[in-house]
C-alpha atoms as a PDB file:
ATOM      1  CA  MET A   1       9.656   6.918  -5.495  1.00  0.00           C
ATOM      2  CA  THR A   2      11.958   8.780  -3.131  1.00  0.00           C
ATOM      3  CA  ARG A   3      11.725  12.515  -3.626  1.00  0.00           C
ATOM      4  CA  LEU A   4      15.028  14.286  -3.279  1.00  0.00           C
ATOM      5  CA  PRO A   5      15.263  17.544  -1.334  1.00  0.00           C
ATOM      6  CA  PRO A   6      15.925  20.738  -3.302  1.00  0.00           C
ATOM      7  CA  PRO A   7      19.268  20.814  -5.160  1.00  0.00           C
ATOM      8  CA  GLY A   8      21.850  22.831  -3.272  1.00  0.00           C
ATOM      9  CA  SER A   9      20.491  21.866   0.158  1.00  0.00           C
ATOM     10  CA  ASP A  10      22.711  20.046   2.627  1.00  0.00           C
ATOM     11  CA  LEU A  11      20.407  17.012   2.615  1.00  0.00           C
ATOM     12  CA  TYR A  12      20.474  16.872  -1.196  1.00  0.00           C
ATOM     13  CA  ARG A  13      24.283  16.873  -1.138  1.00  0.00           C
ATOM     14  CA  LEU A  14      24.281  14.064   1.435  1.00  0.00           C
ATOM     15  CA  MET A  15      21.737  11.954  -0.466  1.00  0.00           C
ATOM     16  CA  THR A  16      23.608  12.273  -3.764  1.00  0.00           C
ATOM     17  CA  CYS A  17      27.162  11.770  -2.479  1.00  0.00           C
ATOM     18  CA  PHE A  18      28.726   8.571  -3.823  1.00  0.00           C
ATOM     19  CA  PRO A  19      32.500   9.177  -3.722  1.00  0.00           C
ATOM     20  CA  VAL A  20      33.448   5.834  -5.274  1.00  0.00           C
ATOM     21  CA  PRO A  21      31.638   3.623  -7.762  1.00  0.00           C
ATOM     22  CA  GLY A  22      30.401   0.173  -6.921  1.00  0.00           C
ATOM     23  CA  ARG A  23      30.942  -2.889  -9.109  1.00  0.00           C
ATOM     24  CA  VAL A  24      28.945  -5.800 -10.452  1.00  0.00           C
ATOM     25  CA  ASP A  25      30.093  -9.057  -8.812  1.00  0.00           C
ATOM     26  CA  TRP A  26      27.509 -11.449 -10.297  1.00  0.00           C
ATOM     27  CA  LEU A  27      24.739 -11.541 -12.908  1.00  0.00           C
ATOM     28  CA  GLY A  28      21.883 -13.991 -13.304  1.00  0.00           C
ATOM     29  CA  LEU A  29      18.711 -14.531 -15.297  1.00  0.00           C
ATOM     30  CA  ARG A  30      15.441 -16.191 -14.273  1.00  0.00           C
ATOM     31  CA  PRO A  31      14.157 -17.734 -17.511  1.00  0.00           C
ATOM     32  CA  ALA A  32      10.812 -18.731 -15.960  1.00  0.00           C
ATOM     33  CA  ARG A  33       8.981 -18.919 -12.666  1.00  0.00           C
ATOM     34  CA  ASP A  34      10.213 -21.624 -10.277  1.00  0.00           C
ATOM     35  CA  VAL A  35      13.307 -22.575 -12.293  1.00  0.00           C
ATOM     36  CA  ASP A  36      16.951 -22.157 -11.297  1.00  0.00           C
ATOM     37  CA  MET A  37      18.744 -18.924 -12.104  1.00  0.00           C
ATOM     38  CA  ILE A  38      21.320 -18.998 -14.872  1.00  0.00           C
ATOM     39  CA  GLU A  39      24.601 -17.251 -14.079  1.00  0.00           C
ATOM     40  CA  VAL A  40      25.847 -15.096 -16.967  1.00  0.00           C
ATOM     41  CA  GLY A  41      28.855 -12.877 -17.602  1.00  0.00           C
ATOM     42  CA  ALA A  42      26.829 -10.234 -19.454  1.00  0.00           C
ATOM     43  CA  ALA A  43      23.192  -9.360 -20.039  1.00  0.00           C
ATOM     44  CA  THR A  44      21.316  -7.053 -22.393  1.00  0.00           C
ATOM     45  CA  ALA A  45      18.759  -4.710 -20.856  1.00  0.00           C
ATOM     46  CA  ARG A  46      15.792  -3.303 -22.784  1.00  0.00           C
ATOM     47  CA  ALA A  47      14.526   0.191 -22.015  1.00  0.00           C
ATOM     48  CA  GLY A  48      11.135  -0.017 -20.323  1.00  0.00           C
ATOM     49  CA  GLY A  49      11.559  -3.764 -19.852  1.00  0.00           C
ATOM     50  CA  GLY A  50      14.155  -5.957 -18.251  1.00  0.00           C
ATOM     51  CA  LEU A  51      17.025  -8.280 -19.109  1.00  0.00           C
ATOM     52  CA  GLU A  52      16.807 -10.408 -22.261  1.00  0.00           C
ATOM     53  CA  GLY A  53      16.312 -14.033 -21.259  1.00  0.00           C
ATOM     54  CA  ASP A  54      14.787 -13.113 -17.889  1.00  0.00           C
ATOM     55  CA  ARG A  55      11.142 -13.754 -17.077  1.00  0.00           C
ATOM     56  CA  TYR A  56      10.631 -10.036 -16.377  1.00  0.00           C
ATOM     57  CA  ALA A  57      12.086  -8.920 -19.744  1.00  0.00           C
ATOM     58  CA  GLY A  58       8.747  -8.077 -21.309  1.00  0.00           C
ATOM     59  CA  GLY A  59       7.907  -4.708 -19.834  1.00  0.00           C
ATOM     60  CA  SER A  60       7.771  -5.265 -16.100  1.00  0.00           C
ATOM     61  CA  GLY A  61       8.374  -1.552 -15.529  1.00  0.00           C
ATOM     62  CA  LYS A  62       9.458  -0.828 -11.980  1.00  0.00           C
ATOM     63  CA  ARG A  63      10.872  -4.330 -11.489  1.00  0.00           C
ATOM     64  CA  GLY A  64      12.819  -4.650 -14.745  1.00  0.00           C
ATOM     65  CA  VAL A  65      16.052  -5.496 -12.918  1.00  0.00           C
ATOM     66  CA  THR A  66      16.570  -6.651  -9.342  1.00  0.00           C
ATOM     67  CA  LEU A  67      19.780  -5.943  -7.476  1.00  0.00           C
ATOM     68  CA  ILE A  68      21.173  -7.056  -4.137  1.00  0.00           C
ATOM     69  CA  GLN A  69      24.050  -5.811  -2.031  1.00  0.00           C
ATOM     70  CA  ALA A  70      27.038  -8.206  -2.008  1.00  0.00           C
ATOM     71  CA  GLU A  71      27.828  -7.139   1.539  1.00  0.00           C
ATOM     72  CA  HIS A  72      24.404  -8.407   2.666  1.00  0.00           C
ATOM     73  CA  LEU A  73      24.928 -11.980   1.450  1.00  0.00           C
ATOM     74  CA  ALA A  74      26.982 -12.937   4.514  1.00  0.00           C
ATOM     75  CA  ALA A  75      24.412 -11.379   6.861  1.00  0.00           C
ATOM     76  CA  ILE A  76      21.517 -13.195   5.175  1.00  0.00           C
ATOM     77  CA  ALA A  77      23.477 -16.459   5.278  1.00  0.00           C
ATOM     78  CA  ALA A  78      24.199 -16.016   8.985  1.00  0.00           C
ATOM     79  CA  LEU A  79      20.592 -15.163   9.850  1.00  0.00           C
ATOM     80  CA  ALA A  80      19.241 -18.076   7.796  1.00  0.00           C
ATOM     81  CA  ARG A  81      22.006 -20.404   9.058  1.00  0.00           C
ATOM     82  CA  VAL A  82      22.960 -21.258   5.485  1.00  0.00           C
ATOM     83  CA  PRO A  83      26.681 -21.698   4.847  1.00  0.00           C
ATOM     84  CA  ASP A  84      28.095 -20.641   1.478  1.00  0.00           C
ATOM     85  CA  LEU A  85      25.038 -18.790   0.199  1.00  0.00           C
ATOM     86  CA  ALA A  86      25.214 -18.655  -3.606  1.00  0.00           C
ATOM     87  CA  PRO A  87      23.711 -15.478  -5.133  1.00  0.00           C
ATOM     88  CA  ALA A  88      21.476 -17.511  -7.459  1.00  0.00           C
ATOM     89  CA  ARG A  89      19.487 -18.769  -4.471  1.00  0.00           C
ATOM     90  CA  LEU A  90      18.295 -15.240  -3.701  1.00  0.00           C
ATOM     91  CA  ARG A  91      16.863 -14.772  -7.225  1.00  0.00           C
ATOM     92  CA  ARG A  92      18.186 -11.271  -7.866  1.00  0.00           C
ATOM     93  CA  ASN A  93      19.638 -10.367 -11.264  1.00  0.00           C
ATOM     94  CA  VAL A  94      22.624  -8.325 -10.140  1.00  0.00           C
ATOM     95  CA  VAL A  95      24.914  -8.567  -7.115  1.00  0.00           C
ATOM     96  CA  VAL A  96      26.584  -5.199  -6.478  1.00  0.00           C
ATOM     97  CA  ALA A  97      29.463  -4.445  -4.114  1.00  0.00           C
ATOM     98  CA  GLY A  98      30.916  -1.197  -2.835  1.00  0.00           C
ATOM     99  CA  ILE A  99      27.932   1.161  -3.139  1.00  0.00           C
ATOM    100  CA  PRO A 100      24.838   1.273  -0.887  1.00  0.00           C
ATOM    101  CA  LEU A 101      22.018   0.132  -3.158  1.00  0.00           C
ATOM    102  CA  ILE A 102      19.141   1.412  -1.050  1.00  0.00           C
ATOM    103  CA  ALA A 103      20.626   4.916  -1.337  1.00  0.00           C
ATOM    104  CA  LEU A 104      19.984   4.651  -5.096  1.00  0.00           C
ATOM    105  CA  LYS A 105      16.209   4.415  -4.587  1.00  0.00           C
ATOM    106  CA  GLY A 106      14.643   7.232  -6.580  1.00  0.00           C
ATOM    107  CA  GLN A 107      17.919   7.985  -8.330  1.00  0.00           C
ATOM    108  CA  ARG A 108      19.496   7.093 -11.648  1.00  0.00           C
ATOM    109  CA  PHE A 109      22.682   5.115 -12.022  1.00  0.00           C
ATOM    110  CA  ARG A 110      24.703   3.521 -14.780  1.00  0.00           C
ATOM    111  CA  ILE A 111      25.992  -0.031 -15.090  1.00  0.00           C
ATOM    112  CA  GLY A 112      27.938  -0.562 -18.305  1.00  0.00           C
ATOM    113  CA  ASP A 113      25.823   0.911 -21.128  1.00  0.00           C
ATOM    114  CA  VAL A 114      22.624   0.687 -19.073  1.00  0.00           C
ATOM    115  CA  VAL A 115      20.938   3.525 -17.188  1.00  0.00           C
ATOM    116  CA  LEU A 116      18.696   2.339 -14.366  1.00  0.00           C
ATOM    117  CA  GLU A 117      16.450   4.124 -11.894  1.00  0.00           C
ATOM    118  CA  GLY A 118      15.979   2.645  -8.434  1.00  0.00           C
ATOM    119  CA  THR A 119      12.240   2.269  -7.838  1.00  0.00           C
ATOM    120  CA  ASP A 120      11.502   0.231  -4.714  1.00  0.00           C
ATOM    121  CA  PRO A 121      13.107  -2.026  -2.143  1.00  0.00           C
ATOM    122  CA  CYS A 122      13.136  -5.609  -3.446  1.00  0.00           C
ATOM    123  CA  ASP A 123      11.313  -7.361  -0.637  1.00  0.00           C
ATOM    124  CA  PRO A 124      11.766 -11.106  -0.262  1.00  0.00           C
ATOM    125  CA  CYS A 125       9.091 -13.437  -1.569  1.00  0.00           C
ATOM    126  CA  SER A 126       7.601 -16.482   0.134  1.00  0.00           C
ATOM    127  CA  ARG A 127       9.903 -18.680  -1.948  1.00  0.00           C
ATOM    128  CA  MET A 128      12.796 -17.659   0.333  1.00  0.00           C
ATOM    129  CA  GLU A 129      11.293 -19.784   3.102  1.00  0.00           C
ATOM    130  CA  ALA A 130      11.630 -22.883   0.914  1.00  0.00           C
ATOM    131  CA  THR A 131      14.989 -21.825  -0.506  1.00  0.00           C
ATOM    132  CA  LEU A 132      16.693 -20.838   2.754  1.00  0.00           C
ATOM    133  CA  GLY A 133      14.660 -22.876   5.242  1.00  0.00           C
ATOM    134  CA  ALA A 134      12.475 -21.807   8.137  1.00  0.00           C
ATOM    135  CA  GLY A 135      13.055 -18.115   8.809  1.00  0.00           C
ATOM    136  CA  GLY A 136      14.539 -17.489   5.355  1.00  0.00           C
ATOM    137  CA  TYR A 137      11.940 -14.863   4.544  1.00  0.00           C
ATOM    138  CA  ASN A 138      12.734 -12.898   7.707  1.00  0.00           C
ATOM    139  CA  ALA A 139      16.488 -13.354   7.206  1.00  0.00           C
ATOM    140  CA  MET A 140      16.191 -11.305   4.004  1.00  0.00           C
ATOM    141  CA  ARG A 141      13.886  -8.576   5.295  1.00  0.00           C
ATOM    142  CA  GLY A 142      15.565  -5.210   4.975  1.00  0.00           C
ATOM    143  CA  MET A 143      18.360  -6.744   2.894  1.00  0.00           C
ATOM    144  CA  GLY A 144      16.451  -7.915  -0.187  1.00  0.00           C
ATOM    145  CA  GLY A 145      17.976  -5.275  -2.417  1.00  0.00           C
ATOM    146  CA  LEU A 146      16.540  -2.819  -4.902  1.00  0.00           C
ATOM    147  CA  CYS A 147      14.197  -3.008  -7.882  1.00  0.00           C
ATOM    148  CA  ALA A 148      15.045  -0.789 -10.835  1.00  0.00           C
ATOM    149  CA  ARG A 149      13.519   0.192 -14.119  1.00  0.00           C
ATOM    150  CA  VAL A 150      15.599   0.289 -17.289  1.00  0.00           C
ATOM    151  CA  VAL A 151      15.746   3.888 -18.548  1.00  0.00           C
ATOM    152  CA  GLU A 152      18.330   3.290 -21.306  1.00  0.00           C
ATOM    153  CA  GLY A 153      19.045  -0.179 -22.599  1.00  0.00           C
ATOM    154  CA  GLY A 154      22.402  -1.724 -23.375  1.00  0.00           C
ATOM    155  CA  VAL A 155      24.792  -4.336 -22.054  1.00  0.00           C
ATOM    156  CA  LEU A 156      25.938  -4.788 -18.463  1.00  0.00           C
ATOM    157  CA  ARG A 157      28.737  -7.144 -17.458  1.00  0.00           C
ATOM    158  CA  VAL A 158      30.314  -8.674 -14.384  1.00  0.00           C
ATOM    159  CA  GLY A 159      33.026  -6.230 -13.309  1.00  0.00           C
ATOM    160  CA  ASP A 160      31.229  -3.124 -14.599  1.00  0.00           C
ATOM    161  CA  ALA A 161      31.224  -0.041 -12.421  1.00  0.00           C
ATOM    162  CA  VAL A 162      27.990   1.068 -10.751  1.00  0.00           C
ATOM    163  CA  VAL A 163      27.963   4.863 -10.976  1.00  0.00           C
ATOM    164  CA  HIS A 164      25.424   7.315  -9.558  1.00  0.00           C
ATOM    165  CA  LEU A 165      24.181   9.876 -12.100  1.00  0.00           C
ATOM    166  CA  ASP A 166      23.289  13.466 -11.268  1.00  0.00           C
ATOM    167  CA  ALA A 167      20.029  15.108 -12.309  1.00  0.00           C
ATOM    168  CA  ALA A 168      21.516  15.957 -15.717  1.00  0.00           C
ATOM    169  CA  GLY A 169      22.494  12.329 -16.298  1.00  0.00           C
ATOM    170  CA  ALA A 170      26.219  12.848 -15.791  1.00  0.00           C
ATOM    171  CA  SER A 171      28.396  10.766 -13.496  1.00  0.00           C
ATOM    172  CA  ALA A 172      28.160  12.391 -10.099  1.00  0.00           C
END
């Protein structure tokens, strides 16, 4: 987990500055290992678990929800030489635009009714080589997104804002 510098320091202010919210562009569930993702308009998150209907719903802890940066899809597609890369191929639950996901590592944020905490980078798995072709794994390195744990459950929807929360849990 990323440790933040002391509140009030310049570095703390920089690391917690998110002047505009992001937004959810796409949602998907992985009902089981090695099956296609199912695109959904909304999903219910369980505190301490994951998204209902997803294979990680049952208490996966730090990897309850996986997110990927919408802005990285084009870069991954270019590096893997895959035109029209659909988000479902990358096997992340949430595609987020407009906010730097990796900056949310170690911090809490809200999507819809759900409070998440960024835990770790979401590194690509070996399946990306089969999904994207030779070099697919490396095409995603550094752009695989963020894993998050569900702190407060609820519903998240396509179009919801992604808002950083301060240490007191308020919108920053």
